[in-house]
């Protein structure tokens, strides 16, 4: 990382974040002021927040799919009992 070159010879994907962090760290007397830049750099390297968000979206998708499957089973149970279920084309008052 320190060289500024990636394995393929170009600029690494997180090099801009590293430069921002390095500039902040070099210009301050208190390194804790550079926490935001350090967090951005580490997120670029490890994608922990991105992975956590993707897992949350996946969990919600699975939860909704299970709920819809449960509702589908309820409809299937009603149809199996022989009760006519409307499709919603005719509105009854």
PDB file of N, CA and C in Angstrom:
ATOM      1  N   UNK A   1       0.820  -1.189   0.000  1.00  0.00           N
ATOM      2  CA  UNK A   1       0.000   0.000   0.000  1.00  0.00           C
ATOM      3  C   UNK A   1       0.862   1.250   0.000  1.00  0.00           C
ATOM      4  N   UNK A   2       1.961   1.202   0.697  1.00  0.00           N
ATOM      5  CA  UNK A   2       2.779   2.391   0.841  1.00  0.00           C
ATOM      6  C   UNK A   2       3.382   2.842  -0.489  1.00  0.00           C
ATOM      7  N   UNK A   3       3.553   1.900  -1.429  1.00  0.00           N
ATOM      8  CA  UNK A   3       4.167   2.270  -2.701  1.00  0.00           C
ATOM      9  C   UNK A   3       3.217   3.068  -3.582  1.00  0.00           C
ATOM     10  N   UNK A   4       1.911   2.890  -3.394  1.00  0.00           N
ATOM     11  CA  UNK A   4       0.941   3.591  -4.225  1.00  0.00           C
ATOM     12  C   UNK A   4       0.619   2.869  -5.506  1.00  0.00           C
ATOM     13  N   UNK A   5       1.081   1.624  -5.647  1.00  0.00           N
ATOM     14  CA  UNK A   5       0.795   0.833  -6.836  1.00  0.00           C
ATOM     15  C   UNK A   5       0.090  -0.450  -6.442  1.00  0.00           C
ATOM     16  N   UNK A   6      -0.856  -0.871  -7.285  1.00  0.00           N
ATOM     17  CA  UNK A   6      -1.560  -2.113  -7.009  1.00  0.00           C
ATOM     18  C   UNK A   6      -0.810  -3.278  -7.645  1.00  0.00           C
ATOM     19  N   UNK A   7      -1.340  -4.465  -7.486  1.00  0.00           N
ATOM     20  CA  UNK A   7      -0.701  -5.650  -8.047  1.00  0.00           C
ATOM     21  C   UNK A   7      -0.664  -5.592  -9.565  1.00  0.00           C
ATOM     22  N   UNK A   8      -1.647  -4.930 -10.171  1.00  0.00           N
ATOM     23  CA  UNK A   8      -1.682  -4.826 -11.630  1.00  0.00           C
ATOM     24  C   UNK A   8      -0.903  -3.615 -12.149  1.00  0.00           C
ATOM     25  N   UNK A   9      -0.343  -2.829 -11.249  1.00  0.00           N
ATOM     26  CA  UNK A   9       0.478  -1.705 -11.653  1.00  0.00           C
ATOM     27  C   UNK A   9      -0.198  -0.360 -11.602  1.00  0.00           C
ATOM     28  N   UNK A  10      -1.513  -0.319 -11.473  1.00  0.00           N
ATOM     29  CA  UNK A  10      -2.238   0.954 -11.412  1.00  0.00           C
ATOM     30  C   UNK A  10      -2.367   1.446  -9.980  1.00  0.00           C
ATOM     31  N   UNK A  11      -3.196   2.450  -9.802  1.00  0.00           N
ATOM     32  CA  UNK A  11      -3.461   2.983  -8.471  1.00  0.00           C
ATOM     33  C   UNK A  11      -4.419   2.043  -7.738  1.00  0.00           C
ATOM     34  N   UNK A  12      -4.130   1.687  -6.496  1.00  0.00           N
ATOM     35  CA  UNK A  12      -5.037   0.817  -5.729  1.00  0.00           C
ATOM     36  C   UNK A  12      -6.375   1.509  -5.478  1.00  0.00           C
ATOM     37  N   UNK A  13      -7.415   0.718  -5.264  1.00  0.00           N
ATOM     38  CA  UNK A  13      -8.761   1.275  -5.108  1.00  0.00           C
ATOM     39  C   UNK A  13      -8.888   2.133  -3.867  1.00  0.00           C
ATOM     40  N   UNK A  14      -8.138   1.866  -2.817  1.00  0.00           N
ATOM     41  CA  UNK A  14      -8.273   2.608  -1.567  1.00  0.00           C
ATOM     42  C   UNK A  14      -7.171   3.651  -1.372  1.00  0.00           C
ATOM     43  N   UNK A  15      -6.390   3.889  -2.397  1.00  0.00           N
ATOM     44  CA  UNK A  15      -5.254   4.794  -2.247  1.00  0.00           C
ATOM     45  C   UNK A  15      -5.692   6.217  -1.943  1.00  0.00           C
ATOM     46  N   UNK A  16      -6.791   6.680  -2.528  1.00  0.00           N
ATOM     47  CA  UNK A  16      -7.280   8.036  -2.253  1.00  0.00           C
ATOM     48  C   UNK A  16      -7.661   8.182  -0.779  1.00  0.00           C
ATOM     49  N   UNK A  17      -8.288   7.151  -0.203  1.00  0.00           N
ATOM     50  CA  UNK A  17      -8.644   7.195   1.223  1.00  0.00           C
ATOM     51  C   UNK A  17      -7.381   7.196   2.084  1.00  0.00           C
ATOM     52  N   UNK A  18      -6.377   6.411   1.669  1.00  0.00           N
ATOM     53  CA  UNK A  18      -5.117   6.375   2.393  1.00  0.00           C
ATOM     54  C   UNK A  18      -4.445   7.755   2.373  1.00  0.00           C
ATOM     55  N   UNK A  19      -4.473   8.419   1.223  1.00  0.00           N
ATOM     56  CA  UNK A  19      -3.859   9.739   1.120  1.00  0.00           C
ATOM     57  C   UNK A  19      -4.547  10.747   2.039  1.00  0.00           C
ATOM     58  N   UNK A  20      -5.895  10.698   2.079  1.00  0.00           N
ATOM     59  CA  UNK A  20      -6.633  11.601   2.960  1.00  0.00           C
ATOM     60  C   UNK A  20      -6.271  11.356   4.423  1.00  0.00           C
ATOM     61  N   UNK A  21      -6.220  10.084   4.801  1.00  0.00           N
ATOM     62  CA  UNK A  21      -5.864   9.745   6.179  1.00  0.00           C
ATOM     63  C   UNK A  21      -4.430  10.166   6.483  1.00  0.00           C
ATOM     64  N   UNK A  22      -3.514   9.901   5.577  1.00  0.00           N
ATOM     65  CA  UNK A  22      -2.109  10.238   5.761  1.00  0.00           C
ATOM     66  C   UNK A  22      -1.918  11.750   5.883  1.00  0.00           C
ATOM     67  N   UNK A  23      -2.631  12.500   5.044  1.00  0.00           N
ATOM     68  CA  UNK A  23      -2.546  13.967   5.103  1.00  0.00           C
ATOM     69  C   UNK A  23      -3.065  14.479   6.445  1.00  0.00           C
ATOM     70  N   UNK A  24      -4.168  13.948   6.900  1.00  0.00           N
ATOM     71  CA  UNK A  24      -4.736  14.366   8.179  1.00  0.00           C
ATOM     72  C   UNK A  24      -3.795  14.008   9.325  1.00  0.00           C
ATOM     73  N   UNK A  25      -3.284  12.800   9.306  1.00  0.00           N
ATOM     74  CA  UNK A  25      -2.417  12.321  10.377  1.00  0.00           C
ATOM     75  C   UNK A  25      -1.134  13.141  10.460  1.00  0.00           C
ATOM     76  N   UNK A  26      -0.603  13.531   9.301  1.00  0.00           N
ATOM     77  CA  UNK A  26       0.636  14.301   9.275  1.00  0.00           C
ATOM     78  C   UNK A  26       0.427  15.754   9.718  1.00  0.00           C
ATOM     79  N   UNK A  27      -0.778  16.281   9.530  1.00  0.00           N
ATOM     80  CA  UNK A  27      -0.997  17.695   9.803  1.00  0.00           C
ATOM     81  C   UNK A  27      -1.581  17.986  11.182  1.00  0.00           C
ATOM     82  N   UNK A  28      -1.871  16.970  11.970  1.00  0.00           N
ATOM     83  CA  UNK A  28      -2.519  17.209  13.255  1.00  0.00           C
ATOM     84  C   UNK A  28      -1.612  16.811  14.416  1.00  0.00           C
ATOM     85  N   UNK A  29      -1.842  17.437  15.552  1.00  0.00           N
ATOM     86  CA  UNK A  29      -1.120  17.066  16.771  1.00  0.00           C
ATOM     87  C   UNK A  29      -1.863  15.975  17.538  1.00  0.00           C
ATOM     88  N   UNK A  30      -3.161  15.850  17.267  1.00  0.00           N
ATOM     89  CA  UNK A  30      -3.992  14.873  17.954  1.00  0.00           C
ATOM     90  C   UNK A  30      -4.505  13.852  16.933  1.00  0.00           C
ATOM     91  N   UNK A  31      -3.931  12.643  16.894  1.00  0.00           N
ATOM     92  CA  UNK A  31      -4.328  11.653  15.891  1.00  0.00           C
ATOM     93  C   UNK A  31      -5.793  11.218  15.975  1.00  0.00           C
ATOM     94  N   UNK A  32      -6.449  11.425  17.116  1.00  0.00           N
ATOM     95  CA  UNK A  32      -7.848  11.017  17.228  1.00  0.00           C
ATOM     96  C   UNK A  32      -8.765  11.889  16.360  1.00  0.00           C
ATOM     97  N   UNK A  33      -8.278  13.035  15.895  1.00  0.00           N
ATOM     98  CA  UNK A  33      -9.071  13.880  15.008  1.00  0.00           C
ATOM     99  C   UNK A  33      -9.197  13.258  13.616  1.00  0.00           C
ATOM    100  N   UNK A  34      -8.389  12.284  13.305  1.00  0.00           N
ATOM    101  CA  UNK A  34      -8.394  11.641  11.984  1.00  0.00           C
ATOM    102  C   UNK A  34      -9.215  10.361  11.979  1.00  0.00           C
ATOM    103  N   UNK A  35     -10.083  10.188  12.956  1.00  0.00           N
ATOM    104  CA  UNK A  35     -10.870   8.950  13.073  1.00  0.00           C
ATOM    105  C   UNK A  35     -11.795   8.749  11.856  1.00  0.00           C
ATOM    106  N   UNK A  36     -12.367   9.818  11.353  1.00  0.00           N
ATOM    107  CA  UNK A  36     -13.286   9.716  10.205  1.00  0.00           C
ATOM    108  C   UNK A  36     -12.535   9.214   8.978  1.00  0.00           C
ATOM    109  N   UNK A  37     -11.369   9.775   8.713  1.00  0.00           N
ATOM    110  CA  UNK A  37     -10.578   9.353   7.564  1.00  0.00           C
ATOM    111  C   UNK A  37     -10.104   7.905   7.733  1.00  0.00           C
ATOM    112  N   UNK A  38      -9.742   7.541   8.954  1.00  0.00           N
ATOM    113  CA  UNK A  38      -9.316   6.165   9.214  1.00  0.00           C
ATOM    114  C   UNK A  38     -10.476   5.199   8.998  1.00  0.00           C
ATOM    115  N   UNK A  39     -11.672   5.580   9.449  1.00  0.00           N
ATOM    116  CA  UNK A  39     -12.848   4.721   9.247  1.00  0.00           C
ATOM    117  C   UNK A  39     -13.163   4.551   7.764  1.00  0.00           C
ATOM    118  N   UNK A  40     -13.058   5.638   6.995  1.00  0.00           N
ATOM    119  CA  UNK A  40     -13.297   5.547   5.550  1.00  0.00           C
ATOM    120  C   UNK A  40     -12.298   4.604   4.894  1.00  0.00           C
ATOM    121  N   UNK A  41     -11.037   4.734   5.275  1.00  0.00           N
ATOM    122  CA  UNK A  41      -9.989   3.884   4.707  1.00  0.00           C
ATOM    123  C   UNK A  41     -10.219   2.412   5.057  1.00  0.00           C
ATOM    124  N   UNK A  42     -10.536   2.131   6.313  1.00  0.00           N
ATOM    125  CA  UNK A  42     -10.770   0.746   6.726  1.00  0.00           C
ATOM    126  C   UNK A  42     -12.024   0.172   6.068  1.00  0.00           C
ATOM    127  N   UNK A  43     -13.059   0.997   5.881  1.00  0.00           N
ATOM    128  CA  UNK A  43     -14.263   0.529   5.181  1.00  0.00           C
ATOM    129  C   UNK A  43     -13.931   0.174   3.745  1.00  0.00           C
ATOM    130  N   UNK A  44     -13.098   0.977   3.107  1.00  0.00           N
ATOM    131  CA  UNK A  44     -12.692   0.688   1.736  1.00  0.00           C
ATOM    132  C   UNK A  44     -11.927  -0.632   1.665  1.00  0.00           C
ATOM    133  N   UNK A  45     -11.094  -0.890   2.653  1.00  0.00           N
ATOM    134  CA  UNK A  45     -10.306  -2.123   2.652  1.00  0.00           C
ATOM    135  C   UNK A  45     -11.151  -3.360   2.944  1.00  0.00           C
ATOM    136  N   UNK A  46     -12.011  -3.270   3.965  1.00  0.00           N
ATOM    137  CA  UNK A  46     -12.676  -4.468   4.483  1.00  0.00           C
ATOM    138  C   UNK A  46     -14.167  -4.565   4.199  1.00  0.00           C
ATOM    139  N   UNK A  47     -14.825  -3.485   3.824  1.00  0.00           N
ATOM    140  CA  UNK A  47     -16.257  -3.459   3.475  1.00  0.00           C
ATOM    141  C   UNK A  47     -17.169  -3.982   4.586  1.00  0.00           C
ATOM    142  N   UNK A  48     -16.825  -3.740   5.836  1.00  0.00           N
ATOM    143  CA  UNK A  48     -17.630  -4.272   6.945  1.00  0.00           C
ATOM    144  C   UNK A  48     -19.039  -3.673   6.986  1.00  0.00           C
ATOM    145  N   UNK A  49     -19.175  -2.358   6.794  1.00  0.00           N
ATOM    146  CA  UNK A  49     -20.494  -1.732   6.807  1.00  0.00           C
ATOM    147  C   UNK A  49     -21.315  -2.188   5.607  1.00  0.00           C
ATOM    148  N   UNK A  50     -20.669  -2.308   4.463  1.00  0.00           N
ATOM    149  CA  UNK A  50     -21.363  -2.752   3.253  1.00  0.00           C
ATOM    150  C   UNK A  50     -21.874  -4.180   3.417  1.00  0.00           C
ATOM    151  N   UNK A  51     -21.055  -5.042   3.990  1.00  0.00           N
ATOM    152  CA  UNK A  51     -21.447  -6.434   4.206  1.00  0.00           C
ATOM    153  C   UNK A  51     -22.584  -6.509   5.221  1.00  0.00           C
ATOM    154  N   UNK A  52     -22.506  -5.714   6.289  1.00  0.00           N
ATOM    155  CA  UNK A  52     -23.575  -5.710   7.295  1.00  0.00           C
ATOM    156  C   UNK A  52     -24.893  -5.244   6.692  1.00  0.00           C
ATOM    157  N   UNK A  53     -24.836  -4.219   5.838  1.00  0.00           N
ATOM    158  CA  UNK A  53     -26.053  -3.731   5.188  1.00  0.00           C
ATOM    159  C   UNK A  53     -26.612  -4.772   4.235  1.00  0.00           C
ATOM    160  N   UNK A  54     -25.755  -5.442   3.482  1.00  0.00           N
ATOM    161  CA  UNK A  54     -26.213  -6.488   2.566  1.00  0.00           C
ATOM    162  C   UNK A  54     -26.848  -7.641   3.339  1.00  0.00           C
ATOM    163  N   UNK A  55     -26.278  -7.998   4.478  1.00  0.00           N
ATOM    164  CA  UNK A  55     -26.864  -9.063   5.303  1.00  0.00           C
ATOM    165  C   UNK A  55     -28.217  -8.650   5.865  1.00  0.00           C
ATOM    166  N   UNK A  56     -28.363  -7.381   6.249  1.00  0.00           N
ATOM    167  CA  UNK A  56     -29.650  -6.903   6.755  1.00  0.00           C
ATOM    168  C   UNK A  56     -30.710  -6.923   5.659  1.00  0.00           C
ATOM    169  N   UNK A  57     -30.337  -6.517   4.452  1.00  0.00           N
ATOM    170  CA  UNK A  57     -31.270  -6.546   3.321  1.00  0.00           C
ATOM    171  C   UNK A  57     -31.663  -7.987   3.005  1.00  0.00           C
ATOM    172  N   UNK A  58     -30.697  -8.880   3.027  1.00  0.00           N
ATOM    173  CA  UNK A  58     -30.976 -10.296   2.749  1.00  0.00           C
ATOM    174  C   UNK A  58     -31.901 -10.892   3.806  1.00  0.00           C
ATOM    175  N   UNK A  59     -31.655 -10.564   5.081  1.00  0.00           N
ATOM    176  CA  UNK A  59     -32.502 -11.070   6.157  1.00  0.00           C
ATOM    177  C   UNK A  59     -33.934 -10.565   6.010  1.00  0.00           C
ATOM    178  N   UNK A  60     -34.100  -9.296   5.665  1.00  0.00           N
ATOM    179  CA  UNK A  60     -35.442  -8.742   5.459  1.00  0.00           C
ATOM    180  C   UNK A  60     -36.127  -9.403   4.268  1.00  0.00           C
ATOM    181  N   UNK A  61     -35.377  -9.648   3.206  1.00  0.00           N
ATOM    182  CA  UNK A  61     -35.935 -10.326   2.028  1.00  0.00           C
ATOM    183  C   UNK A  61     -36.412 -11.727   2.391  1.00  0.00           C
ATOM    184  N   UNK A  62     -35.603 -12.456   3.148  1.00  0.00           N
ATOM    185  CA  UNK A  62     -35.984 -13.811   3.557  1.00  0.00           C
ATOM    186  C   UNK A  62     -37.200 -13.770   4.460  1.00  0.00           C
ATOM    187  N   UNK A  63     -37.237 -12.796   5.378  1.00  0.00           N
ATOM    188  CA  UNK A  63     -38.388 -12.651   6.283  1.00  0.00           C
ATOM    189  C   UNK A  63     -39.668 -12.404   5.491  1.00  0.00           C
ATOM    190  N   UNK A  64     -39.602 -11.492   4.505  1.00  0.00           N
ATOM    191  CA  UNK A  64     -40.797 -11.206   3.696  1.00  0.00           C
ATOM    192  C   UNK A  64     -41.180 -12.402   2.828  1.00  0.00           C
ATOM    193  N   UNK A  65     -40.193 -13.115   2.292  1.00  0.00           N
ATOM    194  CA  UNK A  65     -40.488 -14.297   1.476  1.00  0.00           C
ATOM    195  C   UNK A  65     -41.165 -15.372   2.316  1.00  0.00           C
ATOM    196  N   UNK A  66     -40.698 -15.564   3.549  1.00  0.00           N
ATOM    197  CA  UNK A  66     -41.337 -16.534   4.437  1.00  0.00           C
ATOM    198  C   UNK A  66     -42.763 -16.116   4.773  1.00  0.00           C
ATOM    199  N   UNK A  67     -42.975 -14.819   4.994  1.00  0.00           N
ATOM    200  CA  UNK A  67     -44.322 -14.318   5.296  1.00  0.00           C
ATOM    201  C   UNK A  67     -45.249 -14.545   4.100  1.00  0.00           C
ATOM    202  N   UNK A  68     -44.764 -14.253   2.900  1.00  0.00           N
ATOM    203  CA  UNK A  68     -45.575 -14.466   1.706  1.00  0.00           C
ATOM    204  C   UNK A  68     -45.848 -15.948   1.482  1.00  0.00           C
ATOM    205  N   UNK A  69     -44.885 -16.794   1.800  1.00  0.00           N
ATOM    206  CA  UNK A  69     -45.098 -18.236   1.668  1.00  0.00           C
ATOM    207  C   UNK A  69     -46.152 -18.705   2.662  1.00  0.00           C
ATOM    208  N   UNK A  70     -46.123 -18.140   3.872  1.00  0.00           N
ATOM    209  CA  UNK A  70     -47.126 -18.486   4.878  1.00  0.00           C
ATOM    210  C   UNK A  70     -48.508 -18.047   4.423  1.00  0.00           C
ATOM    211  N   UNK A  71     -48.601 -16.841   3.856  1.00  0.00           N
ATOM    212  CA  UNK A  71     -49.875 -16.360   3.330  1.00  0.00           C
ATOM    213  C   UNK A  71     -50.328 -17.230   2.171  1.00  0.00           C
ATOM    214  N   UNK A  72     -49.400 -17.661   1.359  1.00  0.00           N
ATOM    215  CA  UNK A  72     -49.733 -18.556   0.245  1.00  0.00           C
ATOM    216  C   UNK A  72     -50.280 -19.883   0.736  1.00  0.00           C
ATOM    217  N   UNK A  73     -49.708 -20.394   1.827  1.00  0.00           N
ATOM    218  CA  UNK A  73     -50.211 -21.639   2.396  1.00  0.00           C
ATOM    219  C   UNK A  73     -51.614 -21.446   2.953  1.00  0.00           C
ATOM    220  N   UNK A  74     -51.886 -20.284   3.525  1.00  0.00           N
ATOM    221  CA  UNK A  74     -53.231 -20.022   4.037  1.00  0.00           C
ATOM    222  C   UNK A  74     -54.233 -20.039   2.891  1.00  0.00           C
ATOM    223  N   UNK A  75     -53.900 -19.414   1.780  1.00  0.00           N
ATOM    224  CA  UNK A  75     -54.774 -19.413   0.619  1.00  0.00           C
ATOM    225  C   UNK A  75     -54.956 -20.823   0.093  1.00  0.00           C
ATOM    226  N   UNK A  76     -53.872 -21.577   0.051  1.00  0.00           N
ATOM    227  CA  UNK A  76     -53.956 -22.960  -0.428  1.00  0.00           C
ATOM    228  C   UNK A  76     -54.832 -23.801   0.498  1.00  0.00           C
ATOM    229  N   UNK A  77     -54.735 -23.571   1.814  1.00  0.00           N
ATOM    230  CA  UNK A  77     -55.585 -24.307   2.756  1.00  0.00           C
ATOM    231  C   UNK A  77     -57.058 -23.970   2.545  1.00  0.00           C
ATOM    232  N   UNK A  78     -57.377 -22.692   2.295  1.00  0.00           N
ATOM    233  CA  UNK A  78     -58.753 -22.285   2.034  1.00  0.00           C
ATOM    234  C   UNK A  78     -59.264 -22.947   0.762  1.00  0.00           C
ATOM    235  N   UNK A  79     -58.448 -22.950  -0.284  1.00  0.00           N
ATOM    236  CA  UNK A  79     -58.858 -23.587  -1.534  1.00  0.00           C
ATOM    237  C   UNK A  79     -59.047 -25.080  -1.352  1.00  0.00           C
ATOM    238  N   UNK A  80     -58.232 -25.707  -0.521  1.00  0.00           N
ATOM    239  CA  UNK A  80     -58.356 -27.145  -0.281  1.00  0.00           C
ATOM    240  C   UNK A  80     -59.645 -27.467   0.466  1.00  0.00           C
ATOM    241  N   UNK A  81     -60.142 -26.538   1.284  1.00  0.00           N
ATOM    242  CA  UNK A  81     -61.386 -26.763   2.012  1.00  0.00           C
ATOM    243  C   UNK A  81     -62.614 -26.616   1.119  1.00  0.00           C
ATOM    244  N   UNK A  82     -62.446 -26.104  -0.084  1.00  0.00           N
ATOM    245  CA  UNK A  82     -63.548 -25.983  -1.010  1.00  0.00           C
ATOM    246  C   UNK A  82     -64.252 -24.647  -0.980  1.00  0.00           C
ATOM    247  N   UNK A  83     -63.742 -23.683  -0.263  1.00  0.00           N
ATOM    248  CA  UNK A  83     -64.347 -22.364  -0.204  1.00  0.00           C
ATOM    249  C   UNK A  83     -63.879 -21.580  -1.426  1.00  0.00           C
ATOM    250  N   UNK A  84     -64.831 -20.893  -2.068  1.00  0.00           N
ATOM    251  CA  UNK A  84     -64.492 -20.116  -3.257  1.00  0.00           C
ATOM    252  C   UNK A  84     -63.826 -18.809  -2.799  1.00  0.00           C
ATOM    253  N   UNK A  85     -62.675 -18.547  -3.360  1.00  0.00           N
ATOM    254  CA  UNK A  85     -61.938 -17.328  -3.031  1.00  0.00           C
ATOM    255  C   UNK A  85     -62.012 -16.400  -4.231  1.00  0.00           C
ATOM    256  N   UNK A  86     -62.405 -15.162  -4.010  1.00  0.00           N
ATOM    257  CA  UNK A  86     -62.478 -14.194  -5.080  1.00  0.00           C
ATOM    258  C   UNK A  86     -61.091 -13.725  -5.487  1.00  0.00           C
ATOM    259  N   UNK A  87     -60.983 -13.328  -6.740  1.00  0.00           N
ATOM    260  CA  UNK A  87     -59.708 -12.806  -7.228  1.00  0.00           C
ATOM    261  C   UNK A  87     -59.671 -11.297  -7.191  1.00  0.00           C
ATOM    262  N   UNK A  88     -60.731 -10.659  -6.708  1.00  0.00           N
ATOM    263  CA  UNK A  88     -60.739  -9.228  -6.550  1.00  0.00           C
ATOM    264  C   UNK A  88     -61.180  -8.464  -7.774  1.00  0.00           C
ATOM    265  N   UNK A  89     -61.735  -9.128  -8.780  1.00  0.00           N
ATOM    266  CA  UNK A  89     -62.173  -8.442  -9.985  1.00  0.00           C
ATOM    267  C   UNK A  89     -63.523  -7.778  -9.789  1.00  0.00           C
ATOM    268  N   UNK A  90     -64.375  -8.391  -8.962  1.00  0.00           N
ATOM    269  CA  UNK A  90     -65.698  -7.842  -8.707  1.00  0.00           C
ATOM    270  C   UNK A  90     -65.723  -7.332  -7.263  1.00  0.00           C
ATOM    271  N   UNK A  91     -66.035  -6.066  -7.112  1.00  0.00           N
ATOM    272  CA  UNK A  91     -66.090  -5.477  -5.784  1.00  0.00           C
ATOM    273  C   UNK A  91     -67.498  -5.633  -5.234  1.00  0.00           C
ATOM    274  N   UNK A  92     -67.611  -6.259  -4.098  1.00  0.00           N
ATOM    275  CA  UNK A  92     -68.910  -6.434  -3.433  1.00  0.00           C
ATOM    276  C   UNK A  92     -69.032  -5.410  -2.326  1.00  0.00           C
ATOM    277  N   UNK A  93     -70.246  -4.913  -2.126  1.00  0.00           N
ATOM    278  CA  UNK A  93     -70.475  -3.915  -1.082  1.00  0.00           C
ATOM    279  C   UNK A  93     -71.274  -4.494   0.043  1.00  0.00           C
TER     280      UNK A  93
END
